[in-house]
Structures are given as C-alpha cells and as structure tokens.
Amino acid sequence: PEFGLYTAMITAIVAAMFGSSMIMISGPTTAISAVLFTTLSDFAAP
C-alpha cells in the first residue's frame, strides 16, 4: 500500500512543476494500476 502513497507524493510534485496544466494533479490511477498488474503478474508474484 505504501507504493500508492509514494506515487501520490513524488509524481504529483514533479508533474506539477514540469507539466503544462495549471490544475491537474497526478498520481496513481486505476487504469494504469490494472495494466501494470496484468503486465507483471505473469513474471513475478505480486
């Protein structure tokens, strides 16, 4: 669970400073989480 919180911290700061949107907040998302799981679950135990 801590990896989701780390992503919400670090990703949000860097994307805010170097992205183009004035309002968008970045972090973990459902779709990417699902794709990451299906991509990696066949290679190693979650």
PDB file of all heavy atoms in Angstrom:
ATOM      1  N   PRO A   1       0.796  -1.234   0.000  1.00  0.00           N
ATOM      2  CA  PRO A   1       0.000   0.000   0.000  1.00  0.00           C
ATOM      3  C   PRO A   1       0.824   1.276   0.000  1.00  0.00           C
ATOM      4  O   PRO A   1       0.404   2.290  -0.559  1.00  0.00           O
ATOM      5  CB  PRO A   1      -0.844  -0.108   1.274  1.00  0.00           C
ATOM      6  CG  PRO A   1      -0.179  -1.154   2.110  1.00  0.00           C
ATOM      7  CD  PRO A   1       0.457  -2.095   1.150  1.00  0.00           C
ATOM      8  N   GLU A   2       2.035   1.241   0.614  1.00  0.00           N
ATOM      9  CA  GLU A   2       2.820   2.462   0.687  1.00  0.00           C
ATOM     10  C   GLU A   2       3.261   2.948  -0.694  1.00  0.00           C
ATOM     11  O   GLU A   2       3.502   4.142  -0.890  1.00  0.00           O
ATOM     12  CB  GLU A   2       4.047   2.280   1.589  1.00  0.00           C
ATOM     13  CG  GLU A   2       5.028   1.238   1.122  1.00  0.00           C
ATOM     14  CD  GLU A   2       4.742  -0.144   1.703  1.00  0.00           C
ATOM     15  OE1 GLU A   2       3.603  -0.363   2.167  1.00  0.00           O
ATOM     16  OE2 GLU A   2       5.648  -0.988   1.692  1.00  0.00           O
ATOM     17  N   PHE A   3       3.330   2.045  -1.672  1.00  0.00           N
ATOM     18  CA  PHE A   3       3.768   2.458  -3.006  1.00  0.00           C
ATOM     19  C   PHE A   3       2.743   3.384  -3.668  1.00  0.00           C
ATOM     20  O   PHE A   3       3.106   4.279  -4.436  1.00  0.00           O
ATOM     21  CB  PHE A   3       4.026   1.228  -3.883  1.00  0.00           C
ATOM     22  CG  PHE A   3       5.360   0.587  -3.630  1.00  0.00           C
ATOM     23  CD1 PHE A   3       5.577  -0.193  -2.499  1.00  0.00           C
ATOM     24  CD2 PHE A   3       6.413   0.783  -4.498  1.00  0.00           C
ATOM     25  CE1 PHE A   3       6.797  -0.771  -2.245  1.00  0.00           C
ATOM     26  CE2 PHE A   3       7.654   0.207  -4.257  1.00  0.00           C
ATOM     27  CZ  PHE A   3       7.852  -0.576  -3.120  1.00  0.00           C
ATOM     28  N   GLY A   4       1.475   3.176  -3.372  1.00  0.00           N
ATOM     29  CA  GLY A   4       0.455   4.078  -3.896  1.00  0.00           C
ATOM     30  C   GLY A   4       0.576   5.463  -3.297  1.00  0.00           C
ATOM     31  O   GLY A   4       0.376   6.478  -3.980  1.00  0.00           O
ATOM     32  N   LEU A   5       0.924   5.523  -2.014  1.00  0.00           N
ATOM     33  CA  LEU A   5       1.080   6.815  -1.343  1.00  0.00           C
ATOM     34  C   LEU A   5       2.353   7.523  -1.803  1.00  0.00           C
ATOM     35  O   LEU A   5       2.368   8.738  -1.983  1.00  0.00           O
ATOM     36  CB  LEU A   5       1.097   6.602   0.172  1.00  0.00           C
ATOM     37  CG  LEU A   5      -0.171   5.941   0.734  1.00  0.00           C
ATOM     38  CD1 LEU A   5      -0.023   5.676   2.221  1.00  0.00           C
ATOM     39  CD2 LEU A   5      -1.390   6.802   0.475  1.00  0.00           C
ATOM     40  N   TYR A   6       3.427   6.755  -1.984  1.00  0.00           N
ATOM     41  CA  TYR A   6       4.656   7.357  -2.510  1.00  0.00           C
ATOM     42  C   TYR A   6       4.410   7.953  -3.894  1.00  0.00           C
ATOM     43  O   TYR A   6       4.887   9.058  -4.213  1.00  0.00           O
ATOM     44  CB  TYR A   6       5.764   6.304  -2.608  1.00  0.00           C
ATOM     45  CG  TYR A   6       6.203   5.709  -1.298  1.00  0.00           C
ATOM     46  CD1 TYR A   6       6.877   4.488  -1.257  1.00  0.00           C
ATOM     47  CD2 TYR A   6       5.948   6.352  -0.087  1.00  0.00           C
ATOM     48  CE1 TYR A   6       7.291   3.930  -0.057  1.00  0.00           C
ATOM     49  CE2 TYR A   6       6.358   5.795   1.122  1.00  0.00           C
ATOM     50  CZ  TYR A   6       7.024   4.577   1.130  1.00  0.00           C
ATOM     51  OH  TYR A   6       7.427   4.027   2.311  1.00  0.00           O
ATOM     52  N   THR A   7       3.670   7.212  -4.716  1.00  0.00           N
ATOM     53  CA  THR A   7       3.364   7.693  -6.076  1.00  0.00           C
ATOM     54  C   THR A   7       2.543   8.977  -6.019  1.00  0.00           C
ATOM     55  O   THR A   7       2.759   9.899  -6.817  1.00  0.00           O
ATOM     56  CB  THR A   7       2.599   6.611  -6.862  1.00  0.00           C
ATOM     57  OG1 THR A   7       3.359   5.400  -6.871  1.00  0.00           O
ATOM     58  CG2 THR A   7       2.338   7.054  -8.298  1.00  0.00           C
ATOM     59  N   ALA A   8       1.605   9.040  -5.069  1.00  0.00           N
ATOM     60  CA  ALA A   8       0.786  10.244  -4.923  1.00  0.00           C
ATOM     61  C   ALA A   8       1.611  11.446  -4.498  1.00  0.00           C
ATOM     62  O   ALA A   8       1.252  12.587  -4.792  1.00  0.00           O
ATOM     63  CB  ALA A   8      -0.332   9.986  -3.911  1.00  0.00           C
ATOM     64  N   MET A   9       2.725  11.202  -3.818  1.00  0.00           N
ATOM     65  CA  MET A   9       3.577  12.312  -3.371  1.00  0.00           C
ATOM     66  C   MET A   9       4.538  12.767  -4.472  1.00  0.00           C
ATOM     67  O   MET A   9       4.501  13.920  -4.919  1.00  0.00           O
ATOM     68  CB  MET A   9       4.406  11.880  -2.154  1.00  0.00           C
ATOM     69  CG  MET A   9       3.631  11.589  -0.896  1.00  0.00           C
ATOM     70  SD  MET A   9       4.799  11.138   0.415  1.00  0.00           S
ATOM     71  CE  MET A   9       3.712  10.297   1.547  1.00  0.00           C
ATOM     72  N   ILE A  10       5.413  11.869  -4.890  1.00  0.00           N
ATOM     73  CA  ILE A  10       6.506  12.231  -5.799  1.00  0.00           C
ATOM     74  C   ILE A  10       5.985  12.618  -7.185  1.00  0.00           C
ATOM     75  O   ILE A  10       6.363  13.648  -7.756  1.00  0.00           O
ATOM     76  CB  ILE A  10       7.511  11.068  -5.918  1.00  0.00           C
ATOM     77  CG1 ILE A  10       8.039  10.692  -4.541  1.00  0.00           C
ATOM     78  CG2 ILE A  10       8.639  11.435  -6.879  1.00  0.00           C
ATOM     79  CD1 ILE A  10       8.792  11.788  -3.849  1.00  0.00           C
ATOM     80  N   THR A  11       5.100  11.783  -7.739  1.00  0.00           N
ATOM     81  CA  THR A  11       4.592  12.036  -9.094  1.00  0.00           C
ATOM     82  C   THR A  11       3.872  13.372  -9.166  1.00  0.00           C
ATOM     83  O   THR A  11       4.017  14.111 -10.145  1.00  0.00           O
ATOM     84  CB  THR A  11       3.640  10.902  -9.518  1.00  0.00           C
ATOM     85  OG1 THR A  11       4.336   9.661  -9.463  1.00  0.00           O
ATOM     86  CG2 THR A  11       3.128  11.117 -10.934  1.00  0.00           C
ATOM     87  N   ALA A  12       3.091  13.686  -8.138  1.00  0.00           N
ATOM     88  CA  ALA A  12       2.329  14.929  -8.143  1.00  0.00           C
ATOM     89  C   ALA A  12       3.244  16.152  -8.173  1.00  0.00           C
ATOM     90  O   ALA A  12       2.986  17.124  -8.888  1.00  0.00           O
ATOM     91  CB  ALA A  12       1.408  14.986  -6.927  1.00  0.00           C
ATOM     92  N   ILE A  13       4.338  16.106  -7.414  1.00  0.00           N
ATOM     93  CA  ILE A  13       5.244  17.255  -7.354  1.00  0.00           C
ATOM     94  C   ILE A  13       5.953  17.465  -8.694  1.00  0.00           C
ATOM     95  O   ILE A  13       5.975  18.577  -9.238  1.00  0.00           O
ATOM     96  CB  ILE A  13       6.278  17.068  -6.231  1.00  0.00           C
ATOM     97  CG1 ILE A  13       5.594  17.131  -4.856  1.00  0.00           C
ATOM     98  CG2 ILE A  13       7.370  18.131  -6.309  1.00  0.00           C
ATOM     99  CD1 ILE A  13       6.516  16.870  -3.692  1.00  0.00           C
ATOM    100  N   VAL A  14       6.541  16.413  -9.233  1.00  0.00           N
ATOM    101  CA  VAL A  14       7.318  16.547 -10.473  1.00  0.00           C
ATOM    102  C   VAL A  14       6.420  16.926 -11.644  1.00  0.00           C
ATOM    103  O   VAL A  14       6.751  17.811 -12.445  1.00  0.00           O
ATOM    104  CB  VAL A  14       8.088  15.245 -10.769  1.00  0.00           C
ATOM    105  CG1 VAL A  14       8.867  15.374 -12.073  1.00  0.00           C
ATOM    106  CG2 VAL A  14       9.027  14.899  -9.622  1.00  0.00           C
ATOM    107  N   ALA A  15       5.255  16.260 -11.751  1.00  0.00           N
ATOM    108  CA  ALA A  15       4.339  16.569 -12.859  1.00  0.00           C
ATOM    109  C   ALA A  15       3.811  17.995 -12.755  1.00  0.00           C
ATOM    110  O   ALA A  15       3.601  18.663 -13.776  1.00  0.00           O
ATOM    111  CB  ALA A  15       3.179  15.573 -12.872  1.00  0.00           C
ATOM    112  N   ALA A  16       3.592  18.467 -11.534  1.00  0.00           N
ATOM    113  CA  ALA A  16       3.108  19.841 -11.356  1.00  0.00           C
ATOM    114  C   ALA A  16       4.152  20.857 -11.810  1.00  0.00           C
ATOM    115  O   ALA A  16       3.826  21.868 -12.432  1.00  0.00           O
ATOM    116  CB  ALA A  16       2.742  20.076  -9.898  1.00  0.00           C
ATOM    117  N   MET A  17       5.417  20.579 -11.523  1.00  0.00           N
ATOM    118  CA  MET A  17       6.477  21.523 -11.852  1.00  0.00           C
ATOM    119  C   MET A  17       6.842  21.512 -13.338  1.00  0.00           C
ATOM    120  O   MET A  17       7.224  22.540 -13.899  1.00  0.00           O
ATOM    121  CB  MET A  17       7.731  21.211 -11.024  1.00  0.00           C
ATOM    122  CG  MET A  17       7.600  21.512  -9.540  1.00  0.00           C
ATOM    123  SD  MET A  17       7.448  23.296  -9.194  1.00  0.00           S
ATOM    124  CE  MET A  17       5.678  23.430  -8.981  1.00  0.00           C
ATOM    125  N   PHE A  18       6.712  20.373 -13.989  1.00  0.00           N
ATOM    126  CA  PHE A  18       7.178  20.271 -15.370  1.00  0.00           C
ATOM    127  C   PHE A  18       6.058  20.014 -16.379  1.00  0.00           C
ATOM    128  O   PHE A  18       6.314  19.974 -17.574  1.00  0.00           O
ATOM    129  CB  PHE A  18       8.237  19.171 -15.488  1.00  0.00           C
ATOM    130  CG  PHE A  18       9.527  19.507 -14.809  1.00  0.00           C
ATOM    131  CD1 PHE A  18       9.742  19.165 -13.480  1.00  0.00           C
ATOM    132  CD2 PHE A  18      10.513  20.194 -15.488  1.00  0.00           C
ATOM    133  CE1 PHE A  18      10.929  19.486 -12.842  1.00  0.00           C
ATOM    134  CE2 PHE A  18      11.711  20.522 -14.855  1.00  0.00           C
ATOM    135  CZ  PHE A  18      11.918  20.172 -13.523  1.00  0.00           C
ATOM    136  N   GLY A  19       4.825  19.841 -15.904  1.00  0.00           N
ATOM    137  CA  GLY A  19       3.706  19.657 -16.819  1.00  0.00           C
ATOM    138  C   GLY A  19       3.156  20.982 -17.302  1.00  0.00           C
ATOM    139  O   GLY A  19       3.614  22.057 -16.909  1.00  0.00           O
ATOM    140  N   SER A  20       2.149  20.897 -18.166  1.00  0.00           N
ATOM    141  CA  SER A  20       1.592  22.109 -18.771  1.00  0.00           C
ATOM    142  C   SER A  20       0.300  22.568 -18.109  1.00  0.00           C
ATOM    143  O   SER A  20      -0.072  23.725 -18.229  1.00  0.00           O
ATOM    144  CB  SER A  20       1.341  21.873 -20.267  1.00  0.00           C
ATOM    145  OG  SER A  20       0.784  23.002 -20.877  1.00  0.00           O
ATOM    146  N   SER A  21      -0.382  21.652 -17.413  1.00  0.00           N
ATOM    147  CA  SER A  21      -1.679  22.004 -16.828  1.00  0.00           C
ATOM    148  C   SER A  21      -1.508  22.808 -15.547  1.00  0.00           C
ATOM    149  O   SER A  21      -0.620  22.546 -14.736  1.00  0.00           O
ATOM    150  CB  SER A  21      -2.483  20.732 -16.533  1.00  0.00           C
ATOM    151  OG  SER A  21      -3.697  21.053 -15.886  1.00  0.00           O
ATOM    152  N   MET A  22      -2.382  23.791 -15.366  1.00  0.00           N
ATOM    153  CA  MET A  22      -2.357  24.612 -14.158  1.00  0.00           C
ATOM    154  C   MET A  22      -3.129  23.968 -13.009  1.00  0.00           C
ATOM    155  O   MET A  22      -3.011  24.410 -11.867  1.00  0.00           O
ATOM    156  CB  MET A  22      -2.964  25.979 -14.458  1.00  0.00           C
ATOM    157  CG  MET A  22      -2.173  26.812 -15.457  1.00  0.00           C
ATOM    158  SD  MET A  22      -0.579  27.347 -14.788  1.00  0.00           S
ATOM    159  CE  MET A  22      -1.135  28.498 -13.533  1.00  0.00           C
ATOM    160  N   ILE A  23      -3.888  22.953 -13.286  1.00  0.00           N
ATOM    161  CA  ILE A  23      -4.816  22.446 -12.280  1.00  0.00           C
ATOM    162  C   ILE A  23      -4.732  20.946 -12.056  1.00  0.00           C
ATOM    163  O   ILE A  23      -5.181  20.422 -11.048  1.00  0.00           O
ATOM    164  CB  ILE A  23      -6.270  22.837 -12.679  1.00  0.00           C
ATOM    165  CG1 ILE A  23      -7.167  22.915 -11.442  1.00  0.00           C
ATOM    166  CG2 ILE A  23      -6.835  21.867 -13.712  1.00  0.00           C
ATOM    167  CD1 ILE A  23      -6.850  24.082 -10.560  1.00  0.00           C
ATOM    168  N   MET A  24      -4.130  20.222 -13.003  1.00  0.00           N
ATOM    169  CA  MET A  24      -4.156  18.760 -12.926  1.00  0.00           C
ATOM    170  C   MET A  24      -3.240  18.239 -11.825  1.00  0.00           C
ATOM    171  O   MET A  24      -2.133  18.720 -11.644  1.00  0.00           O
ATOM    172  CB  MET A  24      -3.760  18.155 -14.273  1.00  0.00           C
ATOM    173  CG  MET A  24      -3.844  16.636 -14.304  1.00  0.00           C
ATOM    174  SD  MET A  24      -3.726  15.990 -15.989  1.00  0.00           S
ATOM    175  CE  MET A  24      -2.113  16.623 -16.460  1.00  0.00           C
ATOM    176  N   ILE A  25      -3.724  17.239 -11.110  1.00  0.00           N
ATOM    177  CA  ILE A  25      -2.954  16.549 -10.082  1.00  0.00           C
ATOM    178  C   ILE A  25      -2.652  15.143 -10.590  1.00  0.00           C
ATOM    179  O   ILE A  25      -3.544  14.421 -11.033  1.00  0.00           O
ATOM    180  CB  ILE A  25      -3.724  16.466  -8.755  1.00  0.00           C
ATOM    181  CG1 ILE A  25      -4.073  17.862  -8.253  1.00  0.00           C
ATOM    182  CG2 ILE A  25      -2.917  15.702  -7.719  1.00  0.00           C
ATOM    183  CD1 ILE A  25      -2.915  18.657  -7.762  1.00  0.00           C
ATOM    184  N   SER A  26      -1.405  14.747 -10.527  1.00  0.00           N
ATOM    185  CA  SER A  26      -1.012  13.415 -10.981  1.00  0.00           C
ATOM    186  C   SER A  26      -0.799  12.491  -9.800  1.00  0.00           C
ATOM    187  O   SER A  26      -0.655  12.917  -8.656  1.00  0.00           O
ATOM    188  CB  SER A  26       0.266  13.506 -11.824  1.00  0.00           C
ATOM    189  OG  SER A  26       0.027  14.190 -13.029  1.00  0.00           O
ATOM    190  N   GLY A  27      -0.750  11.200 -10.102  1.00  0.00           N
ATOM    191  CA  GLY A  27      -0.570  10.192  -9.071  1.00  0.00           C
ATOM    192  C   GLY A  27      -1.000   8.842  -9.587  1.00  0.00           C
ATOM    193  O   GLY A  27      -1.129   8.633 -10.801  1.00  0.00           O
ATOM    194  N   PRO A  28      -1.262   7.889  -8.697  1.00  0.00           N
ATOM    195  CA  PRO A  28      -1.693   6.562  -9.134  1.00  0.00           C
ATOM    196  C   PRO A  28      -3.100   6.623  -9.730  1.00  0.00           C
ATOM    197  O   PRO A  28      -3.936   7.406  -9.278  1.00  0.00           O
ATOM    198  CB  PRO A  28      -1.671   5.743  -7.844  1.00  0.00           C
ATOM    199  CG  PRO A  28      -1.880   6.757  -6.754  1.00  0.00           C
ATOM    200  CD  PRO A  28      -1.187   8.010  -7.235  1.00  0.00           C
ATOM    201  N   THR A  29      -3.351   5.840 -10.764  1.00  0.00           N
ATOM    202  CA  THR A  29      -4.673   5.784 -11.376  1.00  0.00           C
ATOM    203  C   THR A  29      -5.109   4.326 -11.510  1.00  0.00           C
ATOM    204  O   THR A  29      -4.278   3.414 -11.527  1.00  0.00           O
ATOM    205  CB  THR A  29      -4.702   6.441 -12.763  1.00  0.00           C
ATOM    206  OG1 THR A  29      -3.948   5.641 -13.680  1.00  0.00           O
ATOM    207  CG2 THR A  29      -4.129   7.849 -12.721  1.00  0.00           C
ATOM    208  N   THR A  30      -6.412   4.128 -11.641  1.00  0.00           N
ATOM    209  CA  THR A  30      -6.953   2.774 -11.709  1.00  0.00           C
ATOM    210  C   THR A  30      -6.483   2.040 -12.946  1.00  0.00           C
ATOM    211  O   THR A  30      -6.043   0.886 -12.884  1.00  0.00           O
ATOM    212  CB  THR A  30      -8.488   2.831 -11.703  1.00  0.00           C
ATOM    213  OG1 THR A  30      -8.921   3.718 -10.690  1.00  0.00           O
ATOM    214  CG2 THR A  30      -9.070   1.465 -11.443  1.00  0.00           C
ATOM    215  N   ALA A  31      -6.607   2.707 -14.106  1.00  0.00           N
ATOM    216  CA  ALA A  31      -6.281   2.032 -15.368  1.00  0.00           C
ATOM    217  C   ALA A  31      -4.817   1.607 -15.399  1.00  0.00           C
ATOM    218  O   ALA A  31      -4.492   0.464 -15.758  1.00  0.00           O
ATOM    219  CB  ALA A  31      -6.609   2.944 -16.542  1.00  0.00           C
ATOM    220  N   ILE A  32      -3.926   2.509 -15.031  1.00  0.00           N
ATOM    221  CA  ILE A  32      -2.500   2.176 -15.060  1.00  0.00           C
ATOM    222  C   ILE A  32      -2.186   1.094 -14.037  1.00  0.00           C
ATOM    223  O   ILE A  32      -1.376   0.188 -14.299  1.00  0.00           O
ATOM    224  CB  ILE A  32      -1.653   3.433 -14.819  1.00  0.00           C
ATOM    225  CG1 ILE A  32      -1.761   4.377 -16.024  1.00  0.00           C
ATOM    226  CG2 ILE A  32      -0.194   3.069 -14.563  1.00  0.00           C
ATOM    227  CD1 ILE A  32      -0.944   5.636 -15.905  1.00  0.00           C
ATOM    228  N   SER A  33      -2.812   1.160 -12.878  1.00  0.00           N
ATOM    229  CA  SER A  33      -2.595   0.126 -11.860  1.00  0.00           C
ATOM    230  C   SER A  33      -2.991  -1.241 -12.394  1.00  0.00           C
ATOM    231  O   SER A  33      -2.289  -2.240 -12.180  1.00  0.00           O
ATOM    232  CB  SER A  33      -3.398   0.454 -10.598  1.00  0.00           C
ATOM    233  OG  SER A  33      -3.026   1.706 -10.061  1.00  0.00           O
ATOM    234  N   ALA A  34      -4.111  -1.286 -13.111  1.00  0.00           N
ATOM    235  CA  ALA A  34      -4.585  -2.557 -13.661  1.00  0.00           C
ATOM    236  C   ALA A  34      -3.651  -3.085 -14.736  1.00  0.00           C
ATOM    237  O   ALA A  34      -3.327  -4.281 -14.781  1.00  0.00           O
ATOM    238  CB  ALA A  34      -5.986  -2.383 -14.228  1.00  0.00           C
ATOM    239  N   VAL A  35      -3.196  -2.195 -15.631  1.00  0.00           N
ATOM    240  CA  VAL A  35      -2.294  -2.634 -16.702  1.00  0.00           C
ATOM    241  C   VAL A  35      -0.963  -3.088 -16.125  1.00  0.00           C
ATOM    242  O   VAL A  35      -0.380  -4.081 -16.569  1.00  0.00           O
ATOM    243  CB  VAL A  35      -2.059  -1.501 -17.722  1.00  0.00           C
ATOM    244  CG1 VAL A  35      -1.181  -1.991 -18.860  1.00  0.00           C
ATOM    245  CG2 VAL A  35      -3.372  -1.015 -18.288  1.00  0.00           C
ATOM    246  N   LEU A  36      -0.468  -2.365 -15.130  1.00  0.00           N
ATOM    247  CA  LEU A  36       0.791  -2.759 -14.506  1.00  0.00           C
ATOM    248  C   LEU A  36       0.672  -4.143 -13.879  1.00  0.00           C
ATOM    249  O   LEU A  36       1.570  -4.980 -14.017  1.00  0.00           O
ATOM    250  CB  LEU A  36       1.194  -1.721 -13.456  1.00  0.00           C
ATOM    251  CG  LEU A  36       2.561  -1.918 -12.807  1.00  0.00           C
ATOM    252  CD1 LEU A  36       3.281  -0.588 -12.629  1.00  0.00           C
ATOM    253  CD2 LEU A  36       2.424  -2.604 -11.436  1.00  0.00           C
ATOM    254  N   PHE A  37      -0.447  -4.393 -13.221  1.00  0.00           N
ATOM    255  CA  PHE A  37      -0.646  -5.706 -12.596  1.00  0.00           C
ATOM    256  C   PHE A  37      -0.684  -6.819 -13.640  1.00  0.00           C
ATOM    257  O   PHE A  37      -0.025  -7.847 -13.490  1.00  0.00           O
ATOM    258  CB  PHE A  37      -1.947  -5.700 -11.788  1.00  0.00           C
ATOM    259  CG  PHE A  37      -2.331  -7.053 -11.258  1.00  0.00           C
ATOM    260  CD1 PHE A  37      -1.662  -7.587 -10.176  1.00  0.00           C
ATOM    261  CD2 PHE A  37      -3.334  -7.793 -11.855  1.00  0.00           C
ATOM    262  CE1 PHE A  37      -2.005  -8.847  -9.689  1.00  0.00           C
ATOM    263  CE2 PHE A  37      -3.670  -9.039 -11.382  1.00  0.00           C
ATOM    264  CZ  PHE A  37      -3.012  -9.572 -10.291  1.00  0.00           C
ATOM    265  N   THR A  38      -1.455  -6.626 -14.714  1.00  0.00           N
ATOM    266  CA  THR A  38      -1.550  -7.671 -15.736  1.00  0.00           C
ATOM    267  C   THR A  38      -0.231  -7.851 -16.485  1.00  0.00           C
ATOM    268  O   THR A  38       0.065  -8.951 -16.961  1.00  0.00           O
ATOM    269  CB  THR A  38      -2.662  -7.333 -16.746  1.00  0.00           C
ATOM    270  OG1 THR A  38      -2.404  -6.060 -17.341  1.00  0.00           O
ATOM    271  CG2 THR A  38      -4.010  -7.300 -16.075  1.00  0.00           C
ATOM    272  N   THR A  39       0.562  -6.786 -16.585  1.00  0.00           N
ATOM    273  CA  THR A  39       1.855  -6.883 -17.263  1.00  0.00           C
ATOM    274  C   THR A  39       2.861  -7.663 -16.438  1.00  0.00           C
ATOM    275  O   THR A  39       3.639  -8.467 -16.985  1.00  0.00           O
ATOM    276  CB  THR A  39       2.416  -5.476 -17.556  1.00  0.00           C
ATOM    277  OG1 THR A  39       1.495  -4.751 -18.373  1.00  0.00           O
ATOM    278  CG2 THR A  39       3.759  -5.558 -18.266  1.00  0.00           C
ATOM    279  N   LEU A  40       2.853  -7.478 -15.126  1.00  0.00           N
ATOM    280  CA  LEU A  40       3.896  -8.048 -14.279  1.00  0.00           C
ATOM    281  C   LEU A  40       3.515  -9.345 -13.593  1.00  0.00           C
ATOM    282  O   LEU A  40       4.405 -10.109 -13.200  1.00  0.00           O
ATOM    283  CB  LEU A  40       4.305  -7.026 -13.203  1.00  0.00           C
ATOM    284  CG  LEU A  40       4.884  -5.694 -13.697  1.00  0.00           C
ATOM    285  CD1 LEU A  40       5.255  -4.826 -12.511  1.00  0.00           C
ATOM    286  CD2 LEU A  40       6.085  -5.925 -14.596  1.00  0.00           C
ATOM    287  N   SER A  41       2.221  -9.608 -13.437  1.00  0.00           N
ATOM    288  CA  SER A  41       1.811 -10.766 -12.637  1.00  0.00           C
ATOM    289  C   SER A  41       2.241 -12.096 -13.240  1.00  0.00           C
ATOM    290  O   SER A  41       2.338 -13.101 -12.533  1.00  0.00           O
ATOM    291  CB  SER A  41       0.293 -10.747 -12.434  1.00  0.00           C
ATOM    292  OG  SER A  41      -0.381 -10.743 -13.677  1.00  0.00           O
ATOM    293  N   ASP A  42       2.493 -12.126 -14.563  1.00  0.00           N
ATOM    294  CA  ASP A  42       2.959 -13.362 -15.196  1.00  0.00           C
ATOM    295  C   ASP A  42       4.465 -13.559 -15.037  1.00  0.00           C
ATOM    296  O   ASP A  42       4.980 -14.641 -15.308  1.00  0.00           O
ATOM    297  CB  ASP A  42       2.613 -13.357 -16.694  1.00  0.00           C
ATOM    298  CG  ASP A  42       1.119 -13.452 -16.940  1.00  0.00           C
ATOM    299  OD1 ASP A  42       0.410 -13.983 -16.064  1.00  0.00           O
ATOM    300  OD2 ASP A  42       0.659 -12.979 -17.994  1.00  0.00           O
ATOM    301  N   PHE A  43       5.175 -12.504 -14.599  1.00  0.00           N
ATOM    302  CA  PHE A  43       6.625 -12.586 -14.486  1.00  0.00           C
ATOM    303  C   PHE A  43       7.099 -12.774 -13.045  1.00  0.00           C
ATOM    304  O   PHE A  43       8.214 -13.241 -12.825  1.00  0.00           O
ATOM    305  CB  PHE A  43       7.276 -11.323 -15.052  1.00  0.00           C
ATOM    306  CG  PHE A  43       6.909 -11.035 -16.474  1.00  0.00           C
ATOM    307  CD1 PHE A  43       6.626  -9.740 -16.891  1.00  0.00           C
ATOM    308  CD2 PHE A  43       6.821 -12.052 -17.409  1.00  0.00           C
ATOM    309  CE1 PHE A  43       6.291  -9.459 -18.199  1.00  0.00           C
ATOM    310  CE2 PHE A  43       6.480 -11.787 -18.729  1.00  0.00           C
ATOM    311  CZ  PHE A  43       6.209 -10.490 -19.126  1.00  0.00           C
ATOM    312  N   ALA A  44       6.274 -12.381 -12.085  1.00  0.00           N
ATOM    313  CA  ALA A  44       6.672 -12.489 -10.685  1.00  0.00           C
ATOM    314  C   ALA A  44       5.432 -12.464  -9.807  1.00  0.00           C
ATOM    315  O   ALA A  44       4.365 -12.004 -10.227  1.00  0.00           O
ATOM    316  CB  ALA A  44       7.620 -11.346 -10.305  1.00  0.00           C
ATOM    317  N   ALA A  45       5.581 -12.972  -8.592  1.00  0.00           N
ATOM    318  CA  ALA A  45       4.463 -12.989  -7.649  1.00  0.00           C
ATOM    319  C   ALA A  45       4.196 -11.573  -7.156  1.00  0.00           C
ATOM    320  O   ALA A  45       5.131 -10.881  -6.711  1.00  0.00           O
ATOM    321  CB  ALA A  45       4.785 -13.890  -6.472  1.00  0.00           C
ATOM    322  N   PRO A  46       2.950 -11.090  -7.252  1.00  0.00           N
ATOM    323  CA  PRO A  46       2.632  -9.728  -6.797  1.00  0.00           C
ATOM    324  C   PRO A  46       3.081  -9.503  -5.351  1.00  0.00           C
ATOM    325  O   PRO A  46       2.881 -10.352  -4.484  1.00  0.00           O
ATOM    326  CB  PRO A  46       1.108  -9.670  -6.929  1.00  0.00           C
ATOM    327  CG  PRO A  46       0.802 -10.648  -8.015  1.00  0.00           C
ATOM    328  CD  PRO A  46       1.780 -11.764  -7.840  1.00  0.00           C
TER     329      PRO A  46
END
